[in-house]
Amino acid sequence: RVRAIELQQVRVGRNAETGRREVVPTSDEVEELPADLVLLAIGF
């Protein structure tokens, strides 16, 4: 079962070569956040 997530600061942009959307971490720092229930509401 899920108990937590690791969270990073990110930047959303476009890959210069492919033009595709990409999510790039802006820091190596990782934060742990408690999570007993995770819901993905990322579209259809």
All heavy atoms as atom14 arrays in JSON, in Angstrom:
{
  "sequence": "RVRAIELQQVRVGRNAETGRREVVPTSDEVEELPADLVLLAIGF",
  "atom14_mask": [
    [1, 1, 1, 1, 1, 1, 1, 1, 1, 1, 1, 0, 0, 0],
    [1, 1, 1, 1, 1, 1, 1, 0, 0, 0, 0, 0, 0, 0],
    [1, 1, 1, 1, 1, 1, 1, 1, 1, 1, 1, 0, 0, 0],
    [1, 1, 1, 1, 1, 0, 0, 0, 0, 0, 0, 0, 0, 0],
    [1, 1, 1, 1, 1, 1, 1, 1, 0, 0, 0, 0, 0, 0],
    [1, 1, 1, 1, 1, 1, 1, 1, 1, 0, 0, 0, 0, 0],
    [1, 1, 1, 1, 1, 1, 1, 1, 0, 0, 0, 0, 0, 0],
    [1, 1, 1, 1, 1, 1, 1, 1, 1, 0, 0, 0, 0, 0],
    [1, 1, 1, 1, 1, 1, 1, 1, 1, 0, 0, 0, 0, 0],
    [1, 1, 1, 1, 1, 1, 1, 0, 0, 0, 0, 0, 0, 0],
    [1, 1, 1, 1, 1, 1, 1, 1, 1, 1, 1, 0, 0, 0],
    [1, 1, 1, 1, 1, 1, 1, 0, 0, 0, 0, 0, 0, 0],
    [1, 1, 1, 1, 0, 0, 0, 0, 0, 0, 0, 0, 0, 0],
    [1, 1, 1, 1, 1, 1, 1, 1, 1, 1, 1, 0, 0, 0],
    [1, 1, 1, 1, 1, 1, 1, 1, 0, 0, 0, 0, 0, 0],
    [1, 1, 1, 1, 1, 0, 0, 0, 0, 0, 0, 0, 0, 0],
    [1, 1, 1, 1, 1, 1, 1, 1, 1, 0, 0, 0, 0, 0],
    [1, 1, 1, 1, 1, 1, 1, 0, 0, 0, 0, 0, 0, 0],
    [1, 1, 1, 1, 0, 0, 0, 0, 0, 0, 0, 0, 0, 0],
    [1, 1, 1, 1, 1, 1, 1, 1, 1, 1, 1, 0, 0, 0],
    [1, 1, 1, 1, 1, 1, 1, 1, 1, 1, 1, 0, 0, 0],
    [1, 1, 1, 1, 1, 1, 1, 1, 1, 0, 0, 0, 0, 0],
    [1, 1, 1, 1, 1, 1, 1, 0, 0, 0, 0, 0, 0, 0],
    [1, 1, 1, 1, 1, 1, 1, 0, 0, 0, 0, 0, 0, 0],
    [1, 1, 1, 1, 1, 1, 1, 0, 0, 0, 0, 0, 0, 0],
    [1, 1, 1, 1, 1, 1, 1, 0, 0, 0, 0, 0, 0, 0],
    [1, 1, 1, 1, 1, 1, 0, 0, 0, 0, 0, 0, 0, 0],
    [1, 1, 1, 1, 1, 1, 1, 1, 0, 0, 0, 0, 0, 0],
    [1, 1, 1, 1, 1, 1, 1, 1, 1, 0, 0, 0, 0, 0],
    [1, 1, 1, 1, 1, 1, 1, 0, 0, 0, 0, 0, 0, 0],
    [1, 1, 1, 1, 1, 1, 1, 1, 1, 0, 0, 0, 0, 0],
    [1, 1, 1, 1, 1, 1, 1, 1, 1, 0, 0, 0, 0, 0],
    [1, 1, 1, 1, 1, 1, 1, 1, 0, 0, 0, 0, 0, 0],
    [1, 1, 1, 1, 1, 1, 1, 0, 0, 0, 0, 0, 0, 0],
    [1, 1, 1, 1, 1, 0, 0, 0, 0, 0, 0, 0, 0, 0],
    [1, 1, 1, 1, 1, 1, 1, 1, 0, 0, 0, 0, 0, 0],
    [1, 1, 1, 1, 1, 1, 1, 1, 0, 0, 0, 0, 0, 0],
    [1, 1, 1, 1, 1, 1, 1, 0, 0, 0, 0, 0, 0, 0],
    [1, 1, 1, 1, 1, 1, 1, 1, 0, 0, 0, 0, 0, 0],
    [1, 1, 1, 1, 1, 1, 1, 1, 0, 0, 0, 0, 0, 0],
    [1, 1, 1, 1, 1, 0, 0, 0, 0, 0, 0, 0, 0, 0],
    [1, 1, 1, 1, 1, 1, 1, 1, 0, 0, 0, 0, 0, 0],
    [1, 1, 1, 1, 0, 0, 0, 0, 0, 0, 0, 0, 0, 0],
    [1, 1, 1, 1, 1, 1, 1, 1, 1, 1, 1, 0, 0, 0]
  ],
  "atom14_positions": [
    [[0.84, -1.2, 0.0], [0.0, 0.0, 0.0], [0.87, 1.25, 0.0], [1.97, 1.27, 0.55], [-0.92, 0.04, 1.22], [-2.08, -0.93, 1.18], [-3.16, -0.52, 2.17], [-3.69, 0.81, 1.86], [-4.64, 1.06, 0.96], [-5.18, 0.05, 0.29], [-5.06, 2.29, 0.74], [0.0, 0.0, 0.0], [0.0, 0.0, 0.0], [0.0, 0.0, 0.0]],
    [[0.36, 2.3, -0.6], [1.08, 3.56, -0.61], [1.04, 4.18, 0.79], [0.04, 4.1, 1.5], [0.47, 4.53, -1.65], [-0.94, 4.96, -1.27], [1.36, 5.74, -1.87], [0.0, 0.0, 0.0], [0.0, 0.0, 0.0], [0.0, 0.0, 0.0], [0.0, 0.0, 0.0], [0.0, 0.0, 0.0], [0.0, 0.0, 0.0], [0.0, 0.0, 0.0]],
    [[2.16, 4.78, 1.2], [2.22, 5.45, 2.5], [2.7, 6.9, 2.37], [2.48, 7.72, 3.25], [3.13, 4.71, 3.45], [4.6, 4.72, 3.06], [5.51, 4.25, 4.19], [6.92, 4.28, 3.77], [7.68, 5.38, 3.8], [7.17, 6.53, 4.22], [8.94, 5.33, 3.41], [0.0, 0.0, 0.0], [0.0, 0.0, 0.0], [0.0, 0.0, 0.0]],
    [[3.39, 7.2, 1.23], [3.94, 8.55, 1.06], [4.33, 8.75, -0.4], [4.33, 7.81, -1.2], [5.16, 8.76, 1.96], [0.0, 0.0, 0.0], [0.0, 0.0, 0.0], [0.0, 0.0, 0.0], [0.0, 0.0, 0.0], [0.0, 0.0, 0.0], [0.0, 0.0, 0.0], [0.0, 0.0, 0.0], [0.0, 0.0, 0.0], [0.0, 0.0, 0.0]],
    [[4.65, 9.99, -0.74], [5.18, 10.31, -2.07], [6.47, 11.1, -1.89], [6.68, 11.76, -0.86], [4.19, 11.13, -2.91], [3.87, 12.47, -2.22], [2.92, 10.35, -3.19], [3.1, 13.45, -3.08], [0.0, 0.0, 0.0], [0.0, 0.0, 0.0], [0.0, 0.0, 0.0], [0.0, 0.0, 0.0], [0.0, 0.0, 0.0], [0.0, 0.0, 0.0]],
    [[7.33, 10.99, -2.88], [8.5, 11.85, -2.95], [8.2, 12.97, -3.94], [7.81, 12.72, -5.09], [9.73, 11.05, -3.4], [10.26, 10.1, -2.34], [11.53, 9.41, -2.75], [11.88, 9.47, -3.96], [12.19, 8.81, -1.87], [0.0, 0.0, 0.0], [0.0, 0.0, 0.0], [0.0, 0.0, 0.0], [0.0, 0.0, 0.0], [0.0, 0.0, 0.0]],
    [[8.43, 14.19, -3.5], [8.03, 15.37, -4.26], [9.25, 16.18, -4.65], [10.17, 16.37, -3.85], [7.08, 16.22, -3.39], [6.1, 17.16, -4.07], [5.16, 16.38, -4.97], [5.3, 17.92, -3.02], [0.0, 0.0, 0.0], [0.0, 0.0, 0.0], [0.0, 0.0, 0.0], [0.0, 0.0, 0.0], [0.0, 0.0, 0.0], [0.0, 0.0, 0.0]],
    [[9.25, 16.67, -5.9], [10.32, 17.51, -6.4], [9.78, 18.78, -7.04], [8.69, 18.78, -7.62], [11.14, 16.76, -7.46], [12.26, 15.91, -6.93], [13.14, 15.38, -8.04], [12.63, 14.77, -8.99], [14.44, 15.61, -7.97], [0.0, 0.0, 0.0], [0.0, 0.0, 0.0], [0.0, 0.0, 0.0], [0.0, 0.0, 0.0], [0.0, 0.0, 0.0]],
    [[10.57, 19.85, -6.94], [10.27, 21.06, -7.68], [10.58, 20.82, -9.16], [11.61, 20.22, -9.49], [11.1, 22.24, -7.17], [10.82, 22.62, -5.73], [9.48, 23.31, -5.57], [9.05, 24.08, -6.44], [8.79, 23.01, -4.48], [0.0, 0.0, 0.0], [0.0, 0.0, 0.0], [0.0, 0.0, 0.0], [0.0, 0.0, 0.0], [0.0, 0.0, 0.0]],
    [[9.68, 21.28, -10.07], [9.87, 21.01, -11.49], [9.54, 22.24, -12.34], [8.94, 23.21, -11.86], [8.98, 19.83, -11.96], [9.35, 18.54, -11.23], [7.5, 20.16, -11.77], [0.0, 0.0, 0.0], [0.0, 0.0, 0.0], [0.0, 0.0, 0.0], [0.0, 0.0, 0.0], [0.0, 0.0, 0.0], [0.0, 0.0, 0.0], [0.0, 0.0, 0.0]],
    [[9.94, 22.12, -13.58], [9.58, 23.12, -14.6], [9.02, 22.39, -15.8], [9.58, 21.37, -16.24], [10.82, 23.93, -15.0], [10.59, 24.89, -16.17], [11.88, 25.61, -16.54], [12.97, 24.68, -16.82], [13.14, 24.05, -17.97], [12.26, 24.22, -18.97], [14.16, 23.23, -18.14], [0.0, 0.0, 0.0], [0.0, 0.0, 0.0], [0.0, 0.0, 0.0]],
    [[7.93, 22.89, -16.35], [7.31, 22.29, -17.53], [7.71, 23.1, -18.75], [7.6, 24.33, -18.77], [5.77, 22.26, -17.4], [5.14, 21.65, -18.65], [5.34, 21.49, -16.16], [0.0, 0.0, 0.0], [0.0, 0.0, 0.0], [0.0, 0.0, 0.0], [0.0, 0.0, 0.0], [0.0, 0.0, 0.0], [0.0, 0.0, 0.0], [0.0, 0.0, 0.0]],
    [[8.21, 22.4, -19.77], [8.62, 23.08, -20.99], [8.48, 22.18, -22.19], [7.82, 21.15, -22.16], [0.0, 0.0, 0.0], [0.0, 0.0, 0.0], [0.0, 0.0, 0.0], [0.0, 0.0, 0.0], [0.0, 0.0, 0.0], [0.0, 0.0, 0.0], [0.0, 0.0, 0.0], [0.0, 0.0, 0.0], [0.0, 0.0, 0.0], [0.0, 0.0, 0.0]],
    [[9.12, 22.58, -23.29], [9.11, 21.82, -24.54], [10.54, 21.39, -24.86], [11.48, 22.19, -24.78], [8.55, 22.66, -25.69], [7.09, 23.03, -25.54], [6.19, 21.85, -25.86], [4.78, 22.17, -25.63], [3.79, 21.29, -25.78], [4.08, 20.05, -26.16], [2.55, 21.63, -25.56], [0.0, 0.0, 0.0], [0.0, 0.0, 0.0], [0.0, 0.0, 0.0]],
    [[10.66, 20.15, -25.24], [11.96, 19.65, -25.67], [12.37, 20.34, -26.96], [11.59, 20.38, -27.92], [11.9, 18.13, -25.86], [13.24, 17.53, -26.19], [13.75, 17.68, -27.29], [13.81, 16.83, -25.21], [0.0, 0.0, 0.0], [0.0, 0.0, 0.0], [0.0, 0.0, 0.0], [0.0, 0.0, 0.0], [0.0, 0.0, 0.0], [0.0, 0.0, 0.0]],
    [[13.56, 20.88, -26.99], [14.01, 21.66, -28.15], [14.09, 20.82, -29.41], [13.88, 21.33, -30.52], [15.37, 22.28, -27.85], [0.0, 0.0, 0.0], [0.0, 0.0, 0.0], [0.0, 0.0, 0.0], [0.0, 0.0, 0.0], [0.0, 0.0, 0.0], [0.0, 0.0, 0.0], [0.0, 0.0, 0.0], [0.0, 0.0, 0.0], [0.0, 0.0, 0.0]],
    [[14.39, 19.54, -29.27], [14.54, 18.68, -30.45], [13.22, 18.07, -30.91], [12.93, 18.06, -32.1], [15.56, 17.57, -30.14], [16.96, 18.09, -29.89], [17.94, 16.95, -29.62], [17.51, 15.77, -29.63], [19.14, 17.25, -29.41], [0.0, 0.0, 0.0], [0.0, 0.0, 0.0], [0.0, 0.0, 0.0], [0.0, 0.0, 0.0], [0.0, 0.0, 0.0]],
    [[12.44, 17.56, -29.98], [11.2, 16.86, -30.34], [9.98, 17.76, -30.32], [8.96, 17.45, -30.94], [10.96, 15.68, -29.39], [10.73, 16.18, -28.06], [12.16, 14.75, -29.37], [0.0, 0.0, 0.0], [0.0, 0.0, 0.0], [0.0, 0.0, 0.0], [0.0, 0.0, 0.0], [0.0, 0.0, 0.0], [0.0, 0.0, 0.0], [0.0, 0.0, 0.0]],
    [[10.05, 18.87, -29.57], [8.89, 19.74, -29.43], [7.86, 19.21, -28.46], [6.81, 19.83, -28.27], [0.0, 0.0, 0.0], [0.0, 0.0, 0.0], [0.0, 0.0, 0.0], [0.0, 0.0, 0.0], [0.0, 0.0, 0.0], [0.0, 0.0, 0.0], [0.0, 0.0, 0.0], [0.0, 0.0, 0.0], [0.0, 0.0, 0.0], [0.0, 0.0, 0.0]],
    [[8.15, 18.08, -27.83], [7.2, 17.49, -26.9], [7.3, 18.13, -25.52], [8.36, 18.6, -25.1], [7.46, 15.98, -26.78], [7.13, 15.21, -28.06], [7.38, 13.72, -27.85], [7.05, 12.95, -29.04], [7.19, 11.64, -29.15], [7.68, 10.94, -28.11], [6.85, 11.02, -30.25], [0.0, 0.0, 0.0], [0.0, 0.0, 0.0], [0.0, 0.0, 0.0]],
    [[6.19, 18.1, -24.82], [6.14, 18.61, -23.46], [7.01, 17.74, -22.56], [7.0, 16.52, -22.66], [4.69, 18.59, -22.97], [4.48, 19.0, -21.53], [3.0, 18.88, -21.19], [2.72, 19.15, -19.8], [2.82, 18.26, -18.82], [3.22, 17.02, -19.08], [2.52, 18.59, -17.58], [0.0, 0.0, 0.0], [0.0, 0.0, 0.0], [0.0, 0.0, 0.0]],
    [[7.77, 18.37, -21.68], [8.59, 17.62, -20.74], [8.59, 18.32, -19.38], [8.47, 19.53, -19.28], [10.02, 17.44, -21.25], [10.77, 18.73, -21.47], [12.19, 18.49, -21.98], [12.53, 17.33, -22.25], [12.96, 19.47, -22.09], [0.0, 0.0, 0.0], [0.0, 0.0, 0.0], [0.0, 0.0, 0.0], [0.0, 0.0, 0.0], [0.0, 0.0, 0.0]],
    [[8.7, 17.5, -18.34], [8.74, 17.99, -16.97], [10.15, 17.76, -16.44], [10.6, 16.61, -16.35], [7.7, 17.26, -16.1], [7.73, 17.8, -14.67], [6.3, 17.42, -16.7], [0.0, 0.0, 0.0], [0.0, 0.0, 0.0], [0.0, 0.0, 0.0], [0.0, 0.0, 0.0], [0.0, 0.0, 0.0], [0.0, 0.0, 0.0], [0.0, 0.0, 0.0]],
    [[10.84, 18.84, -16.09], [12.26, 18.76, -15.72], [12.42, 19.2, -14.27], [11.96, 20.3, -13.89], [13.11, 19.65, -16.63], [14.58, 19.56, -16.25], [12.9, 19.28, -18.09], [0.0, 0.0, 0.0], [0.0, 0.0, 0.0], [0.0, 0.0, 0.0], [0.0, 0.0, 0.0], [0.0, 0.0, 0.0], [0.0, 0.0, 0.0], [0.0, 0.0, 0.0]],
    [[13.07, 18.4, -13.42], [13.35, 18.82, -12.04], [14.24, 20.07, -12.02], [15.17, 20.19, -12.82], [14.06, 17.62, -11.42], [13.69, 16.46, -12.28], [13.52, 17.01, -13.67], [0.0, 0.0, 0.0], [0.0, 0.0, 0.0], [0.0, 0.0, 0.0], [0.0, 0.0, 0.0], [0.0, 0.0, 0.0], [0.0, 0.0, 0.0], [0.0, 0.0, 0.0]],
    [[13.93, 20.98, -11.12], [14.74, 22.19, -10.98], [15.63, 22.14, -9.75], [16.39, 23.07, -9.49], [13.84, 23.44, -10.9], [12.95, 23.29, -9.79], [13.04, 23.6, -12.18], [0.0, 0.0, 0.0], [0.0, 0.0, 0.0], [0.0, 0.0, 0.0], [0.0, 0.0, 0.0], [0.0, 0.0, 0.0], [0.0, 0.0, 0.0], [0.0, 0.0, 0.0]],
    [[15.53, 21.05, -8.99], [16.33, 20.88, -7.78], [16.49, 19.39, -7.49], [15.62, 18.59, -7.83], [15.67, 21.58, -6.6], [16.31, 21.24, -5.39], [0.0, 0.0, 0.0], [0.0, 0.0, 0.0], [0.0, 0.0, 0.0], [0.0, 0.0, 0.0], [0.0, 0.0, 0.0], [0.0, 0.0, 0.0], [0.0, 0.0, 0.0], [0.0, 0.0, 0.0]],
    [[17.6, 19.05, -6.85], [17.81, 17.66, -6.45], [17.12, 17.35, -5.12], [17.04, 16.2, -4.72], [19.31, 17.38, -6.31], [20.03, 17.41, -7.65], [19.36, 17.12, -8.67], [21.22, 17.74, -7.68], [0.0, 0.0, 0.0], [0.0, 0.0, 0.0], [0.0, 0.0, 0.0], [0.0, 0.0, 0.0], [0.0, 0.0, 0.0], [0.0, 0.0, 0.0]],
    [[16.63, 18.38, -4.47], [16.0, 18.19, -3.17], [14.68, 17.43, -3.32], [13.87, 17.75, -4.19], [15.75, 19.55, -2.51], [15.16, 19.44, -1.11], [14.95, 20.81, -0.47], [15.45, 21.81, -1.04], [14.29, 20.87, 0.58], [0.0, 0.0, 0.0], [0.0, 0.0, 0.0], [0.0, 0.0, 0.0], [0.0, 0.0, 0.0], [0.0, 0.0, 0.0]],
    [[14.48, 16.44, -2.48], [13.27, 15.62, -2.5], [12.57, 15.73, -1.16], [13.2, 15.57, -0.11], [13.61, 14.14, -2.81], [12.33, 13.29, -2.74], [14.24, 14.02, -4.19], [0.0, 0.0, 0.0], [0.0, 0.0, 0.0], [0.0, 0.0, 0.0], [0.0, 0.0, 0.0], [0.0, 0.0, 0.0], [0.0, 0.0, 0.0], [0.0, 0.0, 0.0]],
    [[11.27, 15.99, -1.21], [10.46, 16.1, 0.0], [9.54, 14.89, 0.1], [8.93, 14.48, -0.88], [9.62, 17.38, -0.06], [8.66, 17.56, 1.1], [7.76, 18.77, 0.92], [7.93, 19.5, -0.08], [6.87, 18.97, 1.78], [0.0, 0.0, 0.0], [0.0, 0.0, 0.0], [0.0, 0.0, 0.0], [0.0, 0.0, 0.0], [0.0, 0.0, 0.0]],
    [[9.44, 14.32, 1.28], [8.54, 13.2, 1.49], [7.24, 13.7, 2.12], [7.27, 14.4, 3.13], [9.18, 12.14, 2.39], [8.33, 10.88, 2.53], [9.04, 9.77, 3.28], [10.2, 9.44, 2.91], [8.46, 9.23, 4.24], [0.0, 0.0, 0.0], [0.0, 0.0, 0.0], [0.0, 0.0, 0.0], [0.0, 0.0, 0.0], [0.0, 0.0, 0.0]],
    [[6.13, 13.34, 1.49], [4.83, 13.81, 1.94], [3.94, 12.6, 2.25], [3.83, 11.69, 1.43], [4.19, 14.65, 0.83], [2.97, 15.51, 1.18], [3.36, 16.64, 2.11], [2.36, 16.08, -0.11], [0.0, 0.0, 0.0], [0.0, 0.0, 0.0], [0.0, 0.0, 0.0], [0.0, 0.0, 0.0], [0.0, 0.0, 0.0], [0.0, 0.0, 0.0]],
    [[3.32, 12.55, 3.45], [2.45, 11.41, 3.76], [1.31, 11.3, 2.76], [0.73, 12.3, 2.33], [1.91, 11.75, 5.16], [2.85, 12.76, 5.71], [3.38, 13.53, 4.54], [0.0, 0.0, 0.0], [0.0, 0.0, 0.0], [0.0, 0.0, 0.0], [0.0, 0.0, 0.0], [0.0, 0.0, 0.0], [0.0, 0.0, 0.0], [0.0, 0.0, 0.0]],
    [[0.99, 10.07, 2.37], [-0.09, 9.85, 1.39], [-0.65, 8.44, 1.55], [0.01, 7.46, 1.2], [0.43, 10.05, -0.02], [0.0, 0.0, 0.0], [0.0, 0.0, 0.0], [0.0, 0.0, 0.0], [0.0, 0.0, 0.0], [0.0, 0.0, 0.0], [0.0, 0.0, 0.0], [0.0, 0.0, 0.0], [0.0, 0.0, 0.0], [0.0, 0.0, 0.0]],
    [[-1.84, 8.35, 2.13], [-2.53, 7.06, 2.25], [-3.45, 6.82, 1.06], [-3.85, 5.69, 0.79], [-3.37, 7.02, 3.53], [-2.55, 7.36, 4.76], [-1.54, 6.7, 4.98], [-2.93, 8.31, 5.48], [0.0, 0.0, 0.0], [0.0, 0.0, 0.0], [0.0, 0.0, 0.0], [0.0, 0.0, 0.0], [0.0, 0.0, 0.0], [0.0, 0.0, 0.0]],
    [[-3.83, 7.9, 0.38], [-4.7, 7.83, -0.78], [-4.23, 8.84, -1.81], [-4.12, 10.04, -1.5], [-6.16, 8.11, -0.39], [-7.19, 8.16, -1.52], [-7.29, 6.82, -2.24], [-8.57, 8.57, -0.98], [0.0, 0.0, 0.0], [0.0, 0.0, 0.0], [0.0, 0.0, 0.0], [0.0, 0.0, 0.0], [0.0, 0.0, 0.0], [0.0, 0.0, 0.0]],
    [[-3.9, 8.37, -3.0], [-3.44, 9.25, -4.08], [-4.44, 9.16, -5.22], [-4.8, 8.05, -5.66], [-2.04, 8.84, -4.57], [-1.6, 9.75, -5.72], [-1.03, 8.92, -3.43], [0.0, 0.0, 0.0], [0.0, 0.0, 0.0], [0.0, 0.0, 0.0], [0.0, 0.0, 0.0], [0.0, 0.0, 0.0], [0.0, 0.0, 0.0], [0.0, 0.0, 0.0]],
    [[-4.88, 10.31, -5.72], [-5.87, 10.37, -6.79], [-5.27, 11.07, -8.0], [-4.78, 12.2, -7.88], [-7.12, 11.1, -6.31], [-7.79, 10.49, -5.07], [-8.9, 11.39, -4.54], [-8.33, 9.1, -5.37], [0.0, 0.0, 0.0], [0.0, 0.0, 0.0], [0.0, 0.0, 0.0], [0.0, 0.0, 0.0], [0.0, 0.0, 0.0], [0.0, 0.0, 0.0]],
    [[-5.3, 10.4, -9.14], [-4.74, 10.95, -10.37], [-5.83, 11.66, -11.16], [-6.71, 11.01, -11.75], [-4.12, 9.83, -11.21], [-3.05, 8.97, -10.52], [-2.57, 7.87, -11.45], [-1.87, 9.83, -10.06], [0.0, 0.0, 0.0], [0.0, 0.0, 0.0], [0.0, 0.0, 0.0], [0.0, 0.0, 0.0], [0.0, 0.0, 0.0], [0.0, 0.0, 0.0]],
    [[-5.79, 12.97, -11.16], [-6.76, 13.79, -11.89], [-6.0, 14.54, -12.98], [-5.93, 15.78, -12.97], [-7.48, 14.74, -10.94], [0.0, 0.0, 0.0], [0.0, 0.0, 0.0], [0.0, 0.0, 0.0], [0.0, 0.0, 0.0], [0.0, 0.0, 0.0], [0.0, 0.0, 0.0], [0.0, 0.0, 0.0], [0.0, 0.0, 0.0], [0.0, 0.0, 0.0]],
    [[-5.42, 13.79, -13.91], [-4.51, 14.37, -14.9], [-5.11, 14.37, -16.3], [-4.39, 14.39, -17.29], [-3.16, 13.63, -14.88], [-3.33, 12.11, -15.02], [-2.41, 13.95, -13.59], [-2.02, 11.34, -15.04], [0.0, 0.0, 0.0], [0.0, 0.0, 0.0], [0.0, 0.0, 0.0], [0.0, 0.0, 0.0], [0.0, 0.0, 0.0], [0.0, 0.0, 0.0]],
    [[-6.43, 14.33, -16.36], [-7.1, 14.49, -17.64], [-7.66, 13.19, -18.2], [-7.64, 12.14, -17.55], [0.0, 0.0, 0.0], [0.0, 0.0, 0.0], [0.0, 0.0, 0.0], [0.0, 0.0, 0.0], [0.0, 0.0, 0.0], [0.0, 0.0, 0.0], [0.0, 0.0, 0.0], [0.0, 0.0, 0.0], [0.0, 0.0, 0.0], [0.0, 0.0, 0.0]],
    [[-8.16, 13.3, -19.43], [-8.79, 12.18, -20.11], [-8.17, 12.02, -21.5], [-7.76, 13.0, -22.12], [-10.31, 12.41, -20.23], [-11.0, 12.47, -18.89], [-11.1, 13.68, -18.21], [-11.53, 11.33, -18.31], [-11.73, 13.75, -16.97], [-12.16, 11.39, -17.08], [-12.26, 12.59, -16.4], [0.0, 0.0, 0.0], [0.0, 0.0, 0.0], [0.0, 0.0, 0.0]]
  ]
}
